[in-house]
Amino acid sequence: MSGEVTVTGFGVRTAFGTGADALRRGVFAGVPAFTPTTRFDTGPYRTPMAAAAPDGPDAVEDWALRHALAECGTEGLDMAGLPTGTEAAVLLGTVGDTTSITHHWQAAAGSPPGAGEAMERAADAVPAHLAEQLAGGLGLTGPRLTFTNACVASAAAIIHACRLISSGRIDVAVCAGAYLVEEATFGKFDSGRALSRDGMVRPFSVDRSGLLLGDGVAVVVLESAEHARRRGARPLVNVVGWGAATDAHHIAQPHPEGAGLAAAARQALRLAGDADGSTLGYVNAHGTGTKYNDAAETRGLRAAFPERAESIPVSSTKGTTGHLLQAAGVVEFVITMLAVMDGVLPPTAGFTRPDPECDLDYVPNSPRPADLRRALTINAAFGGANTALVLERP
């Protein structure tokens, strides 16, 4: 690596509220944020539950995503001490062309929009439009790129930023992810019978029955360590390893042995100079609470560092936040960063009874103090995409 990568600022919003303290009160306390959502009529679905902030039906409109991203971006830049007009790449993970699909069915049910309205809708349906608006609203100059590769989208944005910074091509990157619970995606997961019907998510437990969706928006500011030093910025954590791999086993199910996840984790560990994971003190797992994911992820972690898997604490924070889809990578990056900074492991909330196929230390239900030097955060997505990032205390 020609340049070290450090994090100098972040902003985050979940169903618990805005900022790090909201995560500490919710995620790190092991408090689930699931309530019946009122953003749309949940009568046709198997469950009304989601980790959605009680902010009314307009919260799922595209303008609200823009607002939430701008809020988190401003918080992150202020924390980093970077001014308006900074030359920074803007890399965003978000949903693909959902708005145009929704508008199609709305038009089919009523009258089609006029030409002007149709053009506005088409612009809002382009994922890159959101990155342009975020960059413009924050006054950032530099390249912009949007990732739409499902539940690893924002993690992929961070990995791309790390590659650009470490190679010397850029000094600063603003990486973001955003998802707010909305009916189109809720309905798809309900149709696939992936949602938990009892209002709880129980990652790695023998009686786990599915996932629930949640609101998540976060922005992290990455810099080359040299750039941060020159301007006197305080590093929060360093990013010392990253990896991405695809196993292409199934359109929705993970590889049963967690092959792609293990490959991504090994890449990240090798880059961090720790092929066997000897310096790892914690893993923030993808941990969706579904039958296939959790068992495959456990086997993937055993394959990634076979000599140490049983001694490294692992937890899934989706038992509190829900699944944040395209925003999962960046929000869980922030959670992992707080674990390293605070010396506290977030628990796997909702854990009940061990599953013989999930036989690691999952930090059940209560936070745990830990003197962390390094932590790994991993994510997986439909189609077999997998990401891994290693964070280190400065």
Protein backbone atom coordinates (compact mmCIF):
# COMPACT_ATOMS: atom_id res chain seq x y z
CA MET A 1 0.00 0.00 0.00
CA SER A 2 1.39 3.39 -0.91
CA GLY A 3 -0.93 5.24 1.51
CA GLU A 4 -2.56 4.36 4.80
CA VAL A 5 -6.31 4.96 5.14
CA THR A 6 -7.86 6.60 8.17
CA VAL A 7 -11.37 7.63 9.21
CA THR A 8 -11.69 11.20 10.45
CA GLY A 9 -15.45 11.74 10.62
CA PHE A 10 -18.86 10.11 10.36
CA GLY A 11 -22.57 10.75 10.63
CA VAL A 12 -25.20 8.08 11.21
CA ARG A 13 -28.97 7.75 11.49
CA THR A 14 -31.00 4.66 12.37
CA ALA A 15 -34.37 3.98 13.99
CA PHE A 16 -32.67 4.82 17.30
CA GLY A 17 -32.05 8.39 16.15
CA THR A 18 -29.15 10.43 14.83
CA GLY A 19 -25.54 10.17 15.99
CA ALA A 20 -23.23 7.78 17.79
CA ASP A 21 -24.92 8.12 21.18
CA ALA A 22 -28.18 6.85 19.69
CA LEU A 23 -26.32 3.71 18.58
CA ARG A 24 -24.78 3.35 22.03
CA ARG A 25 -28.21 3.56 23.68
CA GLY A 26 -29.77 1.10 21.25
CA VAL A 27 -27.37 -1.23 19.44
CA PHE A 28 -24.76 -1.47 22.19
CA ALA A 29 -27.41 -1.91 24.87
CA GLY A 30 -28.98 -4.77 22.90
CA VAL A 31 -32.37 -3.03 22.57
CA PRO A 32 -34.37 -4.03 19.47
CA ALA A 33 -35.92 -1.10 17.57
CA PHE A 34 -38.78 -3.08 16.00
CA THR A 35 -42.29 -1.61 16.09
CA PRO A 36 -45.33 -1.80 13.79
CA THR A 37 -44.57 0.54 10.92
CA THR A 38 -47.20 3.09 9.92
CA ARG A 39 -45.58 4.28 6.68
CA PHE A 40 -47.87 2.10 4.61
CA ASP A 41 -50.71 -0.33 5.10
CA THR A 42 -49.16 -3.55 6.43
CA GLY A 43 -52.49 -5.40 6.44
CA PRO A 44 -51.68 -7.52 3.34
CA TYR A 45 -48.37 -8.72 4.81
CA ARG A 46 -47.36 -11.42 7.25
CA THR A 47 -45.92 -8.93 9.73
CA PRO A 48 -46.22 -5.17 10.37
CA MET A 49 -42.82 -4.95 12.08
CA ALA A 50 -39.73 -2.97 11.07
CA ALA A 51 -37.02 -0.86 12.71
CA ALA A 52 -38.35 2.32 11.13
CA ALA A 53 -38.19 5.72 12.77
CA PRO A 54 -41.66 7.15 13.57
CA ASP A 55 -41.34 10.01 11.09
CA GLY A 56 -44.45 9.65 8.98
CA PRO A 57 -45.21 8.39 5.46
CA ASP A 58 -43.17 11.05 3.67
CA ALA A 59 -39.94 9.60 5.12
CA VAL A 60 -39.68 7.08 2.31
CA GLU A 61 -39.84 9.62 -0.48
CA ASP A 62 -36.63 10.27 -2.40
CA TRP A 63 -36.32 13.77 -0.95
CA ALA A 64 -36.14 12.25 2.54
CA LEU A 65 -33.20 10.04 1.53
CA ARG A 66 -31.50 13.15 0.22
CA HIS A 67 -32.22 14.99 3.45
CA ALA A 68 -30.94 12.16 5.65
CA LEU A 69 -27.76 11.78 3.58
CA ALA A 70 -27.11 15.52 3.68
CA GLU A 71 -27.63 15.54 7.45
CA CYS A 72 -25.19 12.66 8.00
CA GLY A 73 -22.73 14.09 5.48
CA THR A 74 -22.69 17.47 7.21
CA GLU A 75 -22.11 15.79 10.57
CA GLY A 76 -19.25 13.72 9.15
CA LEU A 77 -17.52 16.66 7.47
CA ASP A 78 -17.88 18.81 10.59
CA MET A 79 -16.36 16.05 12.71
CA ALA A 80 -13.49 15.67 10.24
CA GLY A 81 -12.98 19.44 10.09
CA LEU A 82 -13.25 19.59 6.31
CA PRO A 83 -14.65 22.76 4.71
CA THR A 84 -17.10 23.27 1.89
CA GLY A 85 -15.35 22.99 -1.46
CA THR A 86 -13.10 20.11 -0.38
CA GLU A 87 -11.89 17.96 -3.24
CA ALA A 88 -13.28 14.57 -2.26
CA ALA A 89 -14.68 11.55 -4.03
CA VAL A 90 -18.32 10.79 -3.21
CA LEU A 91 -19.08 7.07 -3.24
CA LEU A 92 -22.62 5.97 -2.41
CA GLY A 93 -24.33 2.62 -1.88
CA THR A 94 -28.07 2.72 -2.45
CA VAL A 95 -31.01 0.99 -4.05
CA GLY A 96 -31.33 0.66 -7.82
CA ASP A 97 -34.26 1.74 -9.97
CA THR A 98 -37.02 1.24 -7.38
CA THR A 99 -38.80 4.55 -7.93
CA SER A 100 -39.48 3.91 -11.59
CA ILE A 101 -40.95 0.49 -10.77
CA THR A 102 -43.21 2.03 -8.13
CA HIS A 103 -44.28 4.81 -10.47
CA HIS A 104 -45.07 2.28 -13.20
CA TRP A 105 -47.59 0.48 -11.01
CA GLN A 106 -49.01 3.74 -9.69
CA ALA A 107 -49.55 4.90 -13.25
CA ALA A 108 -51.13 1.58 -14.20
CA ALA A 109 -53.61 1.98 -11.36
CA GLY A 110 -54.55 5.53 -12.33
CA SER A 111 -53.61 8.15 -14.85
CA PRO A 112 -50.06 8.29 -16.22
CA PRO A 113 -47.94 11.33 -15.36
CA GLY A 114 -47.45 14.22 -17.74
CA ALA A 115 -44.23 14.63 -19.69
CA GLY A 116 -42.59 16.99 -17.20
CA GLU A 117 -43.44 14.86 -14.20
CA ALA A 118 -42.29 11.74 -16.06
CA MET A 119 -38.87 13.33 -16.70
CA GLU A 120 -38.55 14.24 -13.00
CA ARG A 121 -39.40 10.69 -12.01
CA ALA A 122 -36.89 9.30 -14.48
CA ALA A 123 -34.13 11.50 -13.02
CA ASP A 124 -34.97 10.46 -9.46
CA ALA A 125 -34.91 6.81 -10.51
CA VAL A 126 -31.24 7.00 -11.57
CA PRO A 127 -29.15 5.93 -8.55
CA ALA A 128 -26.21 8.13 -9.59
CA HIS A 129 -28.50 11.16 -9.26
CA LEU A 130 -28.45 10.73 -5.47
CA ALA A 131 -24.63 10.80 -5.36
CA GLU A 132 -24.61 13.95 -7.49
CA GLN A 133 -27.07 15.63 -5.15
CA LEU A 134 -25.10 14.60 -2.07
CA ALA A 135 -21.84 15.93 -3.53
CA GLY A 136 -23.48 19.15 -4.69
CA GLY A 137 -25.27 19.74 -1.41
CA LEU A 138 -22.04 19.30 0.56
CA GLY A 139 -20.02 21.41 -1.87
CA LEU A 140 -17.62 18.55 -2.63
CA THR A 141 -15.59 18.44 -5.82
CA GLY A 142 -14.20 15.18 -7.10
CA PRO A 143 -15.34 11.95 -8.76
CA ARG A 144 -18.76 10.47 -7.91
CA LEU A 145 -19.83 6.84 -8.13
CA THR A 146 -22.91 4.91 -7.00
CA PHE A 147 -22.96 1.23 -6.07
CA THR A 148 -26.20 -0.78 -6.28
CA ASN A 149 -24.93 -4.29 -5.54
CA ALA A 150 -27.57 -5.01 -2.93
CA CYS A 151 -26.57 -5.54 0.70
CA VAL A 152 -22.84 -4.98 0.14
CA ALA A 153 -23.34 -1.72 -1.78
CA SER A 154 -22.08 0.73 0.84
CA ALA A 155 -19.31 -1.64 1.98
CA ALA A 156 -18.22 -1.85 -1.66
CA ALA A 157 -18.16 1.96 -1.76
CA ILE A 158 -15.80 2.00 1.25
CA ILE A 159 -13.57 -0.66 -0.30
CA HIS A 160 -13.34 1.30 -3.56
CA ALA A 161 -12.42 4.43 -1.60
CA CYS A 162 -9.69 2.54 0.24
CA ARG A 163 -8.24 1.37 -3.05
CA LEU A 164 -8.27 4.89 -4.49
CA ILE A 165 -6.66 6.40 -1.39
CA SER A 166 -4.06 3.67 -0.86
CA SER A 167 -2.96 3.94 -4.50
CA GLY A 168 -2.50 7.70 -4.18
CA ARG A 169 -5.22 8.63 -6.67
CA ILE A 170 -7.25 10.65 -4.16
CA ASP A 171 -6.71 12.04 -0.65
CA VAL A 172 -10.29 12.22 0.66
CA ALA A 173 -13.45 10.17 0.09
CA VAL A 174 -16.94 10.58 1.49
CA CYS A 175 -18.58 7.14 1.55
CA ALA A 176 -22.29 6.79 2.19
CA GLY A 177 -25.17 4.35 2.26
CA ALA A 178 -28.90 4.88 2.58
CA TYR A 179 -32.03 2.80 2.93
CA LEU A 180 -35.38 3.78 4.47
CA VAL A 181 -38.07 1.15 4.90
CA GLU A 182 -40.61 1.34 2.05
CA GLU A 183 -43.42 -0.86 0.81
CA ALA A 184 -41.98 -2.15 -2.47
CA THR A 185 -39.00 -3.88 -0.83
CA PHE A 186 -41.01 -4.82 2.26
CA GLY A 187 -43.49 -6.61 0.00
CA LYS A 188 -40.76 -8.49 -1.85
CA PHE A 189 -39.19 -9.82 1.34
CA ASP A 190 -42.64 -10.71 2.64
CA SER A 191 -43.45 -12.61 -0.57
CA GLY A 192 -40.18 -14.51 -0.21
CA ARG A 193 -41.18 -15.45 3.36
CA ALA A 194 -37.94 -13.96 4.62
CA LEU A 195 -39.51 -11.74 7.29
CA SER A 196 -39.79 -12.87 10.89
CA ARG A 197 -43.44 -13.18 11.84
CA ASP A 198 -43.08 -12.71 15.60
CA GLY A 199 -41.47 -9.28 15.50
CA MET A 200 -38.02 -10.42 16.61
CA VAL A 201 -34.75 -11.20 14.84
CA ARG A 202 -32.65 -13.95 16.46
CA PRO A 203 -29.31 -14.20 14.64
CA PHE A 204 -27.46 -17.50 15.11
CA SER A 205 -30.17 -18.94 17.43
CA VAL A 206 -31.67 -22.35 16.75
CA ASP A 207 -35.18 -20.81 16.62
CA ARG A 208 -34.33 -17.94 14.26
CA SER A 209 -37.16 -17.38 11.83
CA GLY A 210 -36.17 -14.54 9.55
CA LEU A 211 -35.12 -10.92 9.22
CA LEU A 212 -36.86 -7.57 9.60
CA LEU A 213 -36.03 -4.40 7.67
CA GLY A 214 -34.73 -1.17 9.19
CA ASP A 215 -33.87 2.45 8.46
CA GLY A 216 -30.20 3.15 7.98
CA VAL A 217 -28.23 6.12 6.66
CA ALA A 218 -24.55 6.78 7.31
CA VAL A 219 -21.60 8.72 5.92
CA VAL A 220 -17.93 8.11 6.73
CA VAL A 221 -15.04 10.39 5.79
CA LEU A 222 -11.91 8.52 4.71
CA GLU A 223 -8.52 10.16 4.15
CA SER A 224 -4.97 9.19 3.46
CA ALA A 225 -3.19 9.18 6.81
CA GLU A 226 -0.62 11.64 5.45
CA HIS A 227 -3.35 14.07 4.35
CA ALA A 228 -4.99 13.86 7.77
CA ARG A 229 -1.64 14.45 9.52
CA ARG A 230 -0.83 17.47 7.37
CA ARG A 231 -4.02 19.24 8.39
CA GLY A 232 -3.91 18.11 12.03
CA ALA A 233 -7.00 15.87 11.88
CA ARG A 234 -7.54 13.27 14.59
CA PRO A 235 -7.83 9.70 13.25
CA LEU A 236 -10.75 7.76 14.72
CA VAL A 237 -9.75 4.37 13.32
CA ASN A 238 -7.53 3.15 10.51
CA VAL A 239 -8.74 0.85 7.74
CA VAL A 240 -5.93 -1.65 7.28
CA GLY A 241 -7.51 -4.40 5.19
CA TRP A 242 -10.32 -4.95 2.71
CA GLY A 243 -11.53 -7.71 0.44
CA ALA A 244 -14.37 -8.60 -1.90
CA ALA A 245 -15.32 -11.93 -3.44
CA THR A 246 -18.21 -13.53 -5.30
CA ASP A 247 -19.16 -17.18 -5.01
CA ALA A 248 -22.11 -17.06 -7.47
CA HIS A 249 -23.71 -20.07 -5.81
CA HIS A 250 -27.37 -19.00 -5.93
CA ILE A 251 -29.40 -15.89 -6.71
CA ALA A 252 -30.56 -15.57 -3.08
CA GLN A 253 -28.98 -18.23 -0.88
CA PRO A 254 -25.35 -17.98 0.27
CA HIS A 255 -22.81 -20.65 -0.55
CA PRO A 256 -23.45 -23.33 2.11
CA GLU A 257 -19.80 -23.27 3.21
CA GLY A 258 -19.55 -19.48 3.13
CA ALA A 259 -16.90 -19.73 0.41
CA GLY A 260 -17.14 -16.17 -0.90
CA LEU A 261 -17.33 -14.66 2.56
CA ALA A 262 -14.25 -16.63 3.66
CA ALA A 263 -12.36 -15.51 0.53
CA ALA A 264 -13.21 -11.84 1.16
CA ALA A 265 -12.16 -12.12 4.82
CA ARG A 266 -8.86 -13.80 3.89
CA GLN A 267 -8.13 -11.04 1.37
CA ALA A 268 -8.73 -8.37 4.00
CA LEU A 269 -6.62 -10.15 6.61
CA ARG A 270 -3.72 -10.71 4.20
CA LEU A 271 -3.74 -7.02 3.29
CA ALA A 272 -3.70 -6.21 7.00
CA GLY A 273 -0.64 -8.43 7.41
CA ASP A 274 -2.51 -10.96 9.56
CA ALA A 275 -3.33 -14.00 7.44
CA ASP A 276 -4.44 -16.15 10.38
CA GLY A 277 -6.45 -13.48 12.21
CA SER A 278 -4.14 -13.50 15.22
CA THR A 279 -4.72 -9.77 15.89
CA LEU A 280 -8.52 -9.84 15.54
CA GLY A 281 -10.55 -9.19 18.67
CA TYR A 282 -14.06 -9.01 17.21
CA VAL A 283 -16.14 -9.76 14.09
CA ASN A 284 -19.27 -7.81 13.22
CA ALA A 285 -21.16 -10.45 11.25
CA HIS A 286 -23.74 -10.04 8.51
CA GLY A 287 -26.03 -12.24 10.66
CA THR A 288 -29.46 -11.78 9.08
CA GLY A 289 -31.25 -14.23 11.38
CA THR A 290 -32.24 -16.47 8.47
CA LYS A 291 -31.67 -20.21 8.40
CA TYR A 292 -29.25 -20.31 5.48
CA ASN A 293 -27.22 -17.16 6.12
CA ASP A 294 -26.20 -17.72 9.71
CA ALA A 295 -25.04 -21.31 9.31
CA ALA A 296 -23.13 -20.53 6.10
CA GLU A 297 -21.53 -17.47 7.69
CA THR A 298 -20.38 -19.52 10.68
CA ARG A 299 -18.71 -22.04 8.37
CA GLY A 300 -17.18 -19.21 6.35
CA LEU A 301 -15.63 -17.68 9.46
CA ARG A 302 -14.22 -21.06 10.47
CA ALA A 303 -12.69 -21.36 6.99
CA ALA A 304 -11.26 -17.83 7.11
CA PHE A 305 -9.30 -18.34 10.36
CA PRO A 306 -9.65 -22.01 11.37
CA GLU A 307 -7.22 -21.83 14.30
CA ARG A 308 -8.90 -18.85 15.94
CA ALA A 309 -12.58 -18.95 15.05
CA GLU A 310 -13.75 -20.25 18.42
CA SER A 311 -11.81 -17.64 20.39
CA ILE A 312 -12.95 -14.52 18.48
CA PRO A 313 -16.24 -12.92 19.62
CA VAL A 314 -18.78 -12.53 16.81
CA SER A 315 -22.04 -10.61 16.92
CA SER A 316 -24.81 -9.52 14.60
CA THR A 317 -26.33 -6.12 15.26
CA LYS A 318 -29.32 -6.76 12.98
CA GLY A 319 -31.20 -8.02 16.04
CA THR A 320 -31.44 -4.35 17.03
CA THR A 321 -31.30 -2.29 13.81
CA GLY A 322 -32.94 -4.72 11.42
CA HIS A 323 -31.49 -5.37 7.98
CA LEU A 324 -30.49 -2.05 6.43
CA LEU A 325 -29.97 -3.52 2.96
CA GLN A 326 -27.75 -1.22 0.85
CA ALA A 327 -26.85 0.81 3.96
CA ALA A 328 -25.90 -2.24 6.06
CA GLY A 329 -22.21 -2.08 5.18
CA VAL A 330 -21.60 1.54 6.16
CA VAL A 331 -23.81 1.57 9.27
CA GLU A 332 -22.20 -1.65 10.53
CA PHE A 333 -18.79 -0.14 9.69
CA VAL A 334 -19.68 2.73 12.06
CA ILE A 335 -20.87 0.27 14.72
CA THR A 336 -17.61 -1.68 14.42
CA MET A 337 -15.67 1.57 14.58
CA LEU A 338 -17.45 2.51 17.83
CA ALA A 339 -16.65 -0.93 19.24
CA VAL A 340 -12.96 -0.30 18.61
CA MET A 341 -13.09 3.28 19.91
CA ASP A 342 -15.15 2.53 23.04
CA GLY A 343 -13.75 -0.91 23.86
CA VAL A 344 -17.24 -2.45 23.99
CA LEU A 345 -18.62 -5.31 21.88
CA PRO A 346 -22.24 -4.88 20.74
CA PRO A 347 -24.33 -7.95 21.58
CA THR A 348 -26.37 -10.27 19.41
CA ALA A 349 -29.79 -9.19 20.63
CA GLY A 350 -32.63 -11.71 20.65
CA PHE A 351 -30.30 -14.69 21.09
CA THR A 352 -32.14 -17.60 22.71
CA ARG A 353 -30.75 -21.11 22.31
CA PRO A 354 -27.57 -22.19 20.49
CA ASP A 355 -27.79 -23.87 17.10
CA PRO A 356 -25.38 -26.80 16.63
CA GLU A 357 -24.58 -25.34 13.18
CA CYS A 358 -23.76 -21.94 14.71
CA ASP A 359 -21.17 -22.77 17.32
CA LEU A 360 -19.09 -19.62 17.84
CA ASP A 361 -19.07 -16.98 20.58
CA TYR A 362 -21.94 -14.68 19.56
CA VAL A 363 -21.88 -12.21 22.52
CA PRO A 364 -25.49 -13.05 23.43
CA ASN A 365 -27.84 -10.25 24.53
CA SER A 366 -25.48 -8.13 26.65
CA PRO A 367 -22.56 -5.86 25.69
CA ARG A 368 -19.07 -7.00 26.62
CA PRO A 369 -16.03 -4.87 27.45
CA ALA A 370 -13.00 -5.64 25.30
CA ASP A 371 -9.60 -4.10 24.68
CA LEU A 372 -9.76 -4.13 20.89
CA ARG A 373 -6.82 -3.55 18.61
CA ARG A 374 -8.49 -4.79 15.44
CA ALA A 375 -11.98 -5.78 14.31
CA LEU A 376 -13.46 -7.25 11.13
CA THR A 377 -16.83 -6.31 9.63
CA ILE A 378 -18.33 -8.50 6.92
CA ASN A 379 -21.36 -8.32 4.65
CA ALA A 380 -23.03 -10.51 2.05
CA ALA A 381 -25.61 -9.94 -0.67
CA PHE A 382 -27.89 -11.72 -3.10
CA GLY A 383 -26.02 -13.14 -6.05
CA GLY A 384 -23.09 -14.24 -3.92
CA ALA A 385 -21.36 -10.90 -3.30
CA ASN A 386 -19.25 -10.63 -0.13
CA THR A 387 -17.16 -7.87 1.46
CA ALA A 388 -14.78 -7.60 4.42
CA LEU A 389 -13.07 -4.66 6.12
CA VAL A 390 -10.46 -4.66 8.92
CA LEU A 391 -10.46 -1.68 11.30
CA GLU A 392 -7.60 -0.86 13.65
CA ARG A 393 -7.24 1.42 16.66
CA PRO A 394 -4.77 4.25 15.82
